[in-house]
Amino acid sequence: MTYFETEGRGNIEKTLELVKRTAEELGIKNIVVASTSGFTAEKALETFRELGVSLSVVGTERSRFASDVLKTLEDNGHAVCFSREVPSDYPDTASFAFRRFSQGVKVAVQIAIIAAEKKLVSTEEDVISIGKWDTALIVKPSDKFAELKVRELICMPR
């Protein structure tokens, strides 16, 4: 478990490095990535290109996501969806509770649920979920909030 002294975009390289190492060590083949504009998705695509993993990118709105990054992801066989286009089983009380850890933890859990609901990832195997630039978790996703399991924290801000 790695704790960052500050939160934010400056941690993306280290977060992706930690995720790559964890995916290699544990044989995890599916990574869910939160990306509003495409910045994090593009960095993830570069980092994991040679690793042979599937990326499932969850943005907020299609209009805010870089169209060239969307095309590159799709051309490389990675899935992209947008949370505002997907009704989700994510209770407000859970959102408030996970934010007590960090905004990234809340996002990582939420996008794992969205990816499972959209059938972008299997609910039968663990995935790594990257919420924001500085948070990554190993989760067993589910399309039902009550059945999702957080297995391990890889990194988050202190």
N, C-alpha and C. Protein backbone atom coordinates (compact mmCIF):
# COMPACT_ATOMS: atom_id res chain seq x y z
N MET A 1 0.85 -1.18 0.00
CA MET A 1 0.00 0.00 0.00
C MET A 1 0.89 1.23 0.00
N THR A 2 0.61 2.12 -0.93
CA THR A 2 1.35 3.37 -1.04
C THR A 2 0.43 4.53 -0.72
N TYR A 3 0.90 5.43 0.12
CA TYR A 3 0.17 6.66 0.43
C TYR A 3 0.89 7.83 -0.21
N PHE A 4 0.15 8.67 -0.92
CA PHE A 4 0.71 9.90 -1.48
C PHE A 4 0.53 11.02 -0.48
N GLU A 5 1.54 11.87 -0.36
CA GLU A 5 1.47 12.99 0.58
C GLU A 5 0.51 14.08 0.11
N THR A 6 0.35 14.19 -1.20
CA THR A 6 -0.61 15.15 -1.76
C THR A 6 -1.51 14.40 -2.73
N GLU A 7 -2.66 14.96 -3.00
CA GLU A 7 -3.55 14.33 -3.96
C GLU A 7 -3.45 15.04 -5.30
N GLY A 8 -3.90 14.37 -6.34
CA GLY A 8 -4.00 15.04 -7.62
C GLY A 8 -3.25 14.42 -8.78
N ARG A 9 -3.31 15.14 -9.89
CA ARG A 9 -2.80 14.69 -11.18
C ARG A 9 -1.32 14.37 -11.17
N GLY A 10 -0.56 15.00 -10.30
CA GLY A 10 0.87 14.75 -10.23
C GLY A 10 1.24 13.34 -9.82
N ASN A 11 0.27 12.57 -9.36
CA ASN A 11 0.51 11.19 -8.92
C ASN A 11 0.20 10.14 -9.99
N ILE A 12 -0.25 10.56 -11.17
CA ILE A 12 -0.71 9.59 -12.16
C ILE A 12 0.38 8.62 -12.60
N GLU A 13 1.59 9.09 -12.82
CA GLU A 13 2.66 8.19 -13.28
C GLU A 13 2.94 7.10 -12.24
N LYS A 14 3.06 7.49 -10.99
CA LYS A 14 3.34 6.52 -9.92
C LYS A 14 2.15 5.57 -9.73
N THR A 15 0.94 6.10 -9.80
CA THR A 15 -0.25 5.24 -9.69
C THR A 15 -0.24 4.18 -10.77
N LEU A 16 0.00 4.58 -12.01
CA LEU A 16 0.01 3.62 -13.12
C LEU A 16 1.15 2.62 -12.98
N GLU A 17 2.28 3.06 -12.50
CA GLU A 17 3.41 2.15 -12.26
C GLU A 17 3.03 1.11 -11.21
N LEU A 18 2.40 1.53 -10.12
CA LEU A 18 1.97 0.60 -9.07
C LEU A 18 0.92 -0.37 -9.59
N VAL A 19 -0.01 0.12 -10.39
CA VAL A 19 -1.05 -0.73 -10.97
C VAL A 19 -0.43 -1.75 -11.91
N LYS A 20 0.50 -1.32 -12.75
CA LYS A 20 1.16 -2.24 -13.68
C LYS A 20 1.88 -3.35 -12.93
N ARG A 21 2.63 -2.98 -11.90
CA ARG A 21 3.36 -3.98 -11.11
C ARG A 21 2.37 -4.96 -10.44
N THR A 22 1.30 -4.44 -9.88
CA THR A 22 0.31 -5.29 -9.22
C THR A 22 -0.36 -6.22 -10.21
N ALA A 23 -0.74 -5.70 -11.37
CA ALA A 23 -1.39 -6.52 -12.39
C ALA A 23 -0.47 -7.65 -12.84
N GLU A 24 0.82 -7.35 -13.02
CA GLU A 24 1.78 -8.38 -13.42
C GLU A 24 1.94 -9.43 -12.32
N GLU A 25 2.10 -8.99 -11.08
CA GLU A 25 2.32 -9.92 -9.96
C GLU A 25 1.12 -10.84 -9.74
N LEU A 26 -0.09 -10.30 -9.88
CA LEU A 26 -1.30 -11.08 -9.56
C LEU A 26 -1.99 -11.66 -10.79
N GLY A 27 -1.49 -11.34 -11.98
CA GLY A 27 -2.10 -11.86 -13.20
C GLY A 27 -3.46 -11.25 -13.50
N ILE A 28 -3.69 -10.04 -13.05
CA ILE A 28 -4.97 -9.37 -13.31
C ILE A 28 -4.94 -8.82 -14.73
N LYS A 29 -5.98 -9.13 -15.49
CA LYS A 29 -6.01 -8.81 -16.91
C LYS A 29 -7.00 -7.70 -17.28
N ASN A 30 -7.76 -7.21 -16.30
CA ASN A 30 -8.76 -6.18 -16.58
C ASN A 30 -8.56 -5.00 -15.65
N ILE A 31 -8.47 -3.81 -16.25
CA ILE A 31 -8.26 -2.60 -15.49
C ILE A 31 -9.35 -1.61 -15.87
N VAL A 32 -10.03 -1.08 -14.86
CA VAL A 32 -11.08 -0.09 -15.05
C VAL A 32 -10.48 1.27 -14.71
N VAL A 33 -10.68 2.25 -15.58
CA VAL A 33 -10.03 3.55 -15.45
C VAL A 33 -11.06 4.67 -15.50
N ALA A 34 -11.05 5.54 -14.50
CA ALA A 34 -11.86 6.76 -14.54
C ALA A 34 -11.10 7.80 -15.34
N SER A 35 -11.79 8.44 -16.29
CA SER A 35 -11.13 9.46 -17.10
C SER A 35 -12.19 10.42 -17.62
N THR A 36 -12.16 11.65 -17.14
CA THR A 36 -13.14 12.65 -17.54
C THR A 36 -12.86 13.20 -18.93
N SER A 37 -11.61 13.59 -19.17
CA SER A 37 -11.26 14.24 -20.44
C SER A 37 -10.55 13.32 -21.43
N GLY A 38 -10.04 12.19 -20.93
CA GLY A 38 -9.25 11.28 -21.75
C GLY A 38 -7.79 11.28 -21.34
N PHE A 39 -7.36 12.23 -20.50
CA PHE A 39 -5.97 12.33 -20.06
C PHE A 39 -5.51 11.04 -19.38
N THR A 40 -6.25 10.59 -18.38
CA THR A 40 -5.85 9.39 -17.64
C THR A 40 -5.96 8.15 -18.52
N ALA A 41 -6.98 8.09 -19.35
CA ALA A 41 -7.14 6.95 -20.27
C ALA A 41 -5.96 6.85 -21.23
N GLU A 42 -5.52 7.98 -21.75
CA GLU A 42 -4.39 7.99 -22.68
C GLU A 42 -3.10 7.54 -21.98
N LYS A 43 -2.88 8.03 -20.76
CA LYS A 43 -1.71 7.61 -19.97
C LYS A 43 -1.77 6.11 -19.69
N ALA A 44 -2.95 5.61 -19.34
CA ALA A 44 -3.11 4.17 -19.06
C ALA A 44 -2.84 3.35 -20.31
N LEU A 45 -3.34 3.80 -21.45
CA LEU A 45 -3.11 3.09 -22.71
C LEU A 45 -1.62 2.98 -23.00
N GLU A 46 -0.88 4.06 -22.80
CA GLU A 46 0.57 4.05 -23.01
C GLU A 46 1.26 3.09 -22.04
N THR A 47 0.87 3.15 -20.77
CA THR A 47 1.52 2.35 -19.73
C THR A 47 1.27 0.86 -19.90
N PHE A 48 0.06 0.48 -20.27
CA PHE A 48 -0.32 -0.93 -20.31
C PHE A 48 -0.29 -1.54 -21.70
N ARG A 49 0.17 -0.79 -22.69
CA ARG A 49 0.16 -1.25 -24.09
C ARG A 49 0.79 -2.63 -24.25
N GLU A 50 1.92 -2.86 -23.64
CA GLU A 50 2.66 -4.12 -23.79
C GLU A 50 2.25 -5.19 -22.79
N LEU A 51 1.36 -4.87 -21.87
CA LEU A 51 1.01 -5.79 -20.79
C LEU A 51 -0.09 -6.78 -21.19
N GLY A 52 -0.84 -6.46 -22.24
CA GLY A 52 -1.89 -7.37 -22.68
C GLY A 52 -3.12 -7.36 -21.80
N VAL A 53 -3.43 -6.22 -21.19
CA VAL A 53 -4.63 -6.12 -20.37
C VAL A 53 -5.73 -5.44 -21.15
N SER A 54 -6.96 -5.66 -20.70
CA SER A 54 -8.11 -4.95 -21.27
C SER A 54 -8.41 -3.75 -20.40
N LEU A 55 -8.58 -2.61 -21.03
CA LEU A 55 -8.97 -1.40 -20.32
C LEU A 55 -10.46 -1.17 -20.52
N SER A 56 -11.13 -0.83 -19.44
CA SER A 56 -12.52 -0.38 -19.49
C SER A 56 -12.50 1.03 -18.92
N VAL A 57 -12.73 2.00 -19.77
CA VAL A 57 -12.65 3.40 -19.35
C VAL A 57 -14.06 3.92 -19.10
N VAL A 58 -14.22 4.56 -17.95
CA VAL A 58 -15.50 5.16 -17.60
C VAL A 58 -15.30 6.67 -17.49
N GLY A 59 -15.88 7.39 -18.43
CA GLY A 59 -15.86 8.85 -18.39
C GLY A 59 -17.15 9.36 -17.77
N THR A 60 -17.28 10.66 -17.68
CA THR A 60 -18.52 11.22 -17.15
C THR A 60 -19.48 11.55 -18.28
N GLU A 61 -18.99 12.37 -19.24
CA GLU A 61 -19.83 12.79 -20.36
C GLU A 61 -19.03 12.67 -21.66
N ARG A 62 -19.68 12.17 -22.67
CA ARG A 62 -19.05 11.99 -23.98
C ARG A 62 -18.50 13.33 -24.50
N SER A 63 -19.22 14.41 -24.28
CA SER A 63 -18.82 15.73 -24.80
C SER A 63 -17.55 16.26 -24.15
N ARG A 64 -17.18 15.75 -22.98
CA ARG A 64 -15.98 16.21 -22.28
C ARG A 64 -14.75 15.34 -22.57
N PHE A 65 -14.94 14.24 -23.28
CA PHE A 65 -13.89 13.27 -23.52
C PHE A 65 -13.27 13.52 -24.89
N ALA A 66 -11.94 13.55 -24.96
CA ALA A 66 -11.25 13.81 -26.23
C ALA A 66 -11.61 12.75 -27.27
N SER A 67 -12.12 13.19 -28.41
CA SER A 67 -12.59 12.25 -29.43
C SER A 67 -11.46 11.43 -30.02
N ASP A 68 -10.25 12.00 -30.12
CA ASP A 68 -9.13 11.23 -30.67
C ASP A 68 -8.71 10.11 -29.71
N VAL A 69 -8.79 10.36 -28.41
CA VAL A 69 -8.46 9.33 -27.42
C VAL A 69 -9.53 8.24 -27.44
N LEU A 70 -10.79 8.64 -27.54
CA LEU A 70 -11.89 7.67 -27.63
C LEU A 70 -11.68 6.75 -28.84
N LYS A 71 -11.35 7.33 -29.98
CA LYS A 71 -11.12 6.52 -31.19
C LYS A 71 -9.94 5.58 -31.00
N THR A 72 -8.85 6.06 -30.43
CA THR A 72 -7.66 5.22 -30.21
C THR A 72 -7.99 4.06 -29.28
N LEU A 73 -8.71 4.33 -28.22
CA LEU A 73 -9.09 3.26 -27.28
C LEU A 73 -9.93 2.21 -28.00
N GLU A 74 -10.96 2.67 -28.70
CA GLU A 74 -11.85 1.73 -29.40
C GLU A 74 -11.12 0.98 -30.50
N ASP A 75 -10.25 1.65 -31.23
CA ASP A 75 -9.46 1.00 -32.29
C ASP A 75 -8.54 -0.08 -31.73
N ASN A 76 -8.14 0.07 -30.47
CA ASN A 76 -7.27 -0.91 -29.82
C ASN A 76 -8.05 -1.94 -29.01
N GLY A 77 -9.38 -1.97 -29.17
CA GLY A 77 -10.21 -3.00 -28.55
C GLY A 77 -10.57 -2.76 -27.10
N HIS A 78 -10.40 -1.53 -26.62
CA HIS A 78 -10.75 -1.23 -25.24
C HIS A 78 -12.16 -0.62 -25.18
N ALA A 79 -12.86 -0.89 -24.09
CA ALA A 79 -14.24 -0.43 -23.93
C ALA A 79 -14.27 0.95 -23.27
N VAL A 80 -15.23 1.76 -23.69
CA VAL A 80 -15.43 3.08 -23.10
C VAL A 80 -16.93 3.28 -22.90
N CYS A 81 -17.30 3.77 -21.72
CA CYS A 81 -18.68 4.17 -21.48
C CYS A 81 -18.68 5.45 -20.65
N PHE A 82 -19.85 6.05 -20.50
CA PHE A 82 -19.95 7.32 -19.81
C PHE A 82 -21.01 7.23 -18.73
N SER A 83 -20.61 7.61 -17.52
CA SER A 83 -21.47 7.41 -16.35
C SER A 83 -22.81 8.13 -16.46
N ARG A 84 -22.84 9.26 -17.13
CA ARG A 84 -24.11 10.00 -17.25
C ARG A 84 -25.07 9.31 -18.21
N GLU A 85 -24.58 8.30 -18.95
CA GLU A 85 -25.43 7.57 -19.88
C GLU A 85 -25.88 6.23 -19.30
N VAL A 86 -25.46 5.94 -18.05
CA VAL A 86 -25.71 4.63 -17.46
C VAL A 86 -26.38 4.80 -16.10
N PRO A 87 -27.62 4.32 -15.94
CA PRO A 87 -28.18 4.33 -14.59
C PRO A 87 -27.39 3.33 -13.74
N SER A 88 -27.10 3.70 -12.49
CA SER A 88 -26.22 2.86 -11.69
C SER A 88 -26.77 2.63 -10.29
N ASP A 89 -26.50 1.44 -9.76
CA ASP A 89 -26.90 1.06 -8.40
C ASP A 89 -25.80 1.50 -7.43
N TYR A 90 -25.75 2.79 -7.14
CA TYR A 90 -24.71 3.32 -6.25
C TYR A 90 -25.37 4.26 -5.25
N PRO A 91 -25.66 3.76 -4.06
CA PRO A 91 -26.40 4.56 -3.07
C PRO A 91 -25.64 5.81 -2.62
N ASP A 92 -26.36 6.89 -2.40
CA ASP A 92 -25.73 8.13 -1.92
C ASP A 92 -24.99 7.93 -0.61
N THR A 93 -25.54 7.11 0.27
CA THR A 93 -24.86 6.88 1.56
C THR A 93 -23.52 6.21 1.36
N ALA A 94 -23.42 5.33 0.38
CA ALA A 94 -22.13 4.69 0.07
C ALA A 94 -21.15 5.72 -0.48
N SER A 95 -21.65 6.58 -1.32
CA SER A 95 -20.80 7.63 -1.88
C SER A 95 -20.20 8.49 -0.76
N PHE A 96 -21.02 8.90 0.17
CA PHE A 96 -20.53 9.70 1.30
C PHE A 96 -19.54 8.91 2.14
N ALA A 97 -19.81 7.64 2.36
CA ALA A 97 -18.91 6.81 3.19
C ALA A 97 -17.55 6.62 2.51
N PHE A 98 -17.53 6.28 1.23
CA PHE A 98 -16.26 6.07 0.54
C PHE A 98 -15.45 7.35 0.40
N ARG A 99 -16.14 8.50 0.32
CA ARG A 99 -15.42 9.78 0.28
C ARG A 99 -14.65 10.04 1.56
N ARG A 100 -15.02 9.40 2.66
CA ARG A 100 -14.27 9.56 3.92
C ARG A 100 -12.85 9.04 3.75
N PHE A 101 -12.66 8.03 2.88
CA PHE A 101 -11.32 7.56 2.54
C PHE A 101 -10.67 8.57 1.60
N SER A 102 -11.30 8.78 0.45
CA SER A 102 -10.86 9.78 -0.53
C SER A 102 -11.88 9.80 -1.67
N GLN A 103 -11.86 10.88 -2.43
CA GLN A 103 -12.72 10.96 -3.61
C GLN A 103 -12.37 9.85 -4.59
N GLY A 104 -11.08 9.52 -4.68
CA GLY A 104 -10.64 8.46 -5.59
C GLY A 104 -11.18 7.09 -5.22
N VAL A 105 -11.28 6.79 -3.92
CA VAL A 105 -11.86 5.51 -3.49
C VAL A 105 -13.32 5.45 -3.92
N LYS A 106 -14.05 6.53 -3.69
CA LYS A 106 -15.46 6.58 -4.10
C LYS A 106 -15.59 6.34 -5.60
N VAL A 107 -14.74 6.99 -6.39
CA VAL A 107 -14.80 6.86 -7.84
C VAL A 107 -14.40 5.45 -8.27
N ALA A 108 -13.36 4.89 -7.69
CA ALA A 108 -12.91 3.54 -8.07
C ALA A 108 -13.99 2.49 -7.84
N VAL A 109 -14.70 2.60 -6.73
CA VAL A 109 -15.79 1.66 -6.46
C VAL A 109 -16.93 1.89 -7.45
N GLN A 110 -17.28 3.14 -7.66
CA GLN A 110 -18.39 3.46 -8.55
C GLN A 110 -18.15 3.00 -9.99
N ILE A 111 -16.94 3.21 -10.51
CA ILE A 111 -16.69 2.82 -11.91
C ILE A 111 -16.61 1.30 -12.06
N ALA A 112 -16.20 0.60 -11.00
CA ALA A 112 -16.22 -0.87 -11.06
C ALA A 112 -17.65 -1.38 -11.19
N ILE A 113 -18.57 -0.75 -10.48
CA ILE A 113 -19.98 -1.12 -10.58
C ILE A 113 -20.51 -0.81 -11.98
N ILE A 114 -20.20 0.37 -12.48
CA ILE A 114 -20.66 0.75 -13.82
C ILE A 114 -20.11 -0.22 -14.87
N ALA A 115 -18.83 -0.55 -14.78
CA ALA A 115 -18.23 -1.49 -15.75
C ALA A 115 -18.91 -2.85 -15.68
N ALA A 116 -19.27 -3.30 -14.48
CA ALA A 116 -19.97 -4.58 -14.34
C ALA A 116 -21.39 -4.49 -14.88
N GLU A 117 -22.07 -3.38 -14.59
CA GLU A 117 -23.43 -3.20 -15.09
C GLU A 117 -23.47 -3.19 -16.62
N LYS A 118 -22.46 -2.60 -17.24
CA LYS A 118 -22.39 -2.53 -18.70
C LYS A 118 -21.77 -3.80 -19.31
N LYS A 119 -21.43 -4.76 -18.44
CA LYS A 119 -20.83 -6.04 -18.87
C LYS A 119 -19.47 -5.83 -19.56
N LEU A 120 -18.75 -4.79 -19.14
CA LEU A 120 -17.41 -4.55 -19.67
C LEU A 120 -16.38 -5.41 -18.97
N VAL A 121 -16.69 -5.84 -17.74
CA VAL A 121 -15.82 -6.72 -16.97
C VAL A 121 -16.65 -7.85 -16.39
N SER A 122 -16.00 -8.96 -16.13
CA SER A 122 -16.65 -10.11 -15.51
C SER A 122 -16.82 -9.86 -14.02
N THR A 123 -17.89 -10.37 -13.49
CA THR A 123 -18.09 -10.30 -12.03
C THR A 123 -17.48 -11.53 -11.35
N GLU A 124 -16.80 -12.36 -12.12
CA GLU A 124 -16.22 -13.59 -11.60
C GLU A 124 -14.74 -13.48 -11.25
N GLU A 125 -14.11 -12.37 -11.61
CA GLU A 125 -12.68 -12.24 -11.34
C GLU A 125 -12.34 -10.82 -10.91
N ASP A 126 -11.26 -10.71 -10.14
CA ASP A 126 -10.82 -9.41 -9.65
C ASP A 126 -10.34 -8.53 -10.80
N VAL A 127 -10.55 -7.23 -10.62
CA VAL A 127 -10.04 -6.21 -11.53
C VAL A 127 -9.32 -5.15 -10.70
N ILE A 128 -8.53 -4.35 -11.36
CA ILE A 128 -7.97 -3.17 -10.72
C ILE A 128 -8.78 -1.98 -11.20
N SER A 129 -9.20 -1.16 -10.26
CA SER A 129 -9.99 0.02 -10.58
C SER A 129 -9.22 1.28 -10.17
N ILE A 130 -9.01 2.16 -11.13
CA ILE A 130 -8.26 3.40 -10.90
C ILE A 130 -9.26 4.55 -10.84
N GLY A 131 -9.39 5.14 -9.65
CA GLY A 131 -10.28 6.28 -9.45
C GLY A 131 -9.46 7.54 -9.31
N LYS A 132 -9.66 8.45 -10.22
CA LYS A 132 -8.89 9.70 -10.24
C LYS A 132 -7.44 9.39 -10.60
N TRP A 133 -6.52 10.25 -10.22
CA TRP A 133 -5.12 10.10 -10.64
C TRP A 133 -4.27 9.44 -9.58
N ASP A 134 -4.84 9.24 -8.41
CA ASP A 134 -4.01 8.89 -7.26
C ASP A 134 -4.56 7.75 -6.42
N THR A 135 -5.51 7.02 -6.96
CA THR A 135 -6.15 5.96 -6.18
C THR A 135 -6.35 4.73 -7.04
N ALA A 136 -5.98 3.58 -6.53
CA ALA A 136 -6.22 2.32 -7.24
C ALA A 136 -6.56 1.24 -6.22
N LEU A 137 -7.53 0.41 -6.57
CA LEU A 137 -8.00 -0.67 -5.71
C LEU A 137 -8.09 -1.96 -6.51
N ILE A 138 -7.94 -3.07 -5.81
CA ILE A 138 -8.32 -4.36 -6.40
C ILE A 138 -9.72 -4.64 -5.90
N VAL A 139 -10.63 -4.91 -6.82
CA VAL A 139 -12.02 -5.18 -6.44
C VAL A 139 -12.52 -6.41 -7.19
N LYS A 140 -13.48 -7.07 -6.58
CA LYS A 140 -14.28 -8.07 -7.27
C LYS A 140 -15.57 -7.35 -7.64
N PRO A 141 -15.70 -6.98 -8.90
CA PRO A 141 -16.84 -6.14 -9.28
C PRO A 141 -18.16 -6.89 -9.22
N SER A 142 -19.21 -6.11 -9.14
CA SER A 142 -20.56 -6.64 -9.20
C SER A 142 -21.46 -5.58 -9.80
N ASP A 143 -22.54 -6.02 -10.39
CA ASP A 143 -23.52 -5.05 -10.87
C ASP A 143 -24.51 -4.68 -9.77
N LYS A 144 -24.30 -5.23 -8.58
CA LYS A 144 -25.10 -4.90 -7.39
C LYS A 144 -24.15 -4.37 -6.33
N PHE A 145 -24.42 -3.17 -5.86
CA PHE A 145 -23.51 -2.54 -4.90
C PHE A 145 -23.21 -3.44 -3.71
N ALA A 146 -24.22 -4.08 -3.16
CA ALA A 146 -24.05 -4.88 -1.94
C ALA A 146 -23.14 -6.09 -2.14
N GLU A 147 -22.90 -6.47 -3.39
CA GLU A 147 -22.09 -7.65 -3.66
C GLU A 147 -20.65 -7.33 -4.09
N LEU A 148 -20.35 -6.08 -4.36
CA LEU A 148 -18.99 -5.69 -4.72
C LEU A 148 -18.07 -5.87 -3.51
N LYS A 149 -16.86 -6.36 -3.77
CA LYS A 149 -15.88 -6.55 -2.69
C LYS A 149 -14.62 -5.76 -3.00
N VAL A 150 -14.20 -4.93 -2.03
CA VAL A 150 -12.91 -4.26 -2.15
C VAL A 150 -11.90 -5.22 -1.53
N ARG A 151 -10.97 -5.70 -2.36
CA ARG A 151 -10.00 -6.70 -1.91
C ARG A 151 -8.73 -6.07 -1.33
N GLU A 152 -8.29 -4.96 -1.96
CA GLU A 152 -7.00 -4.41 -1.55
C GLU A 152 -6.90 -2.96 -2.03
N LEU A 153 -6.30 -2.12 -1.23
CA LEU A 153 -5.93 -0.77 -1.63
C LEU A 153 -4.50 -0.82 -2.17
N ILE A 154 -4.29 -0.32 -3.36
CA ILE A 154 -2.95 -0.26 -3.94
C ILE A 154 -2.31 1.08 -3.59
N CYS A 155 -3.06 2.16 -3.79
CA CYS A 155 -2.53 3.48 -3.46
C CYS A 155 -3.69 4.46 -3.28
N MET A 156 -3.41 5.51 -2.51
CA MET A 156 -4.37 6.60 -2.31
C MET A 156 -3.65 7.75 -1.62
N PRO A 157 -4.23 8.95 -1.68
CA PRO A 157 -3.61 10.07 -0.96
C PRO A 157 -3.85 9.93 0.54
N ARG A 158 -2.89 10.42 1.29
CA ARG A 158 -3.00 10.40 2.75
C ARG A 158 -4.01 11.40 3.22
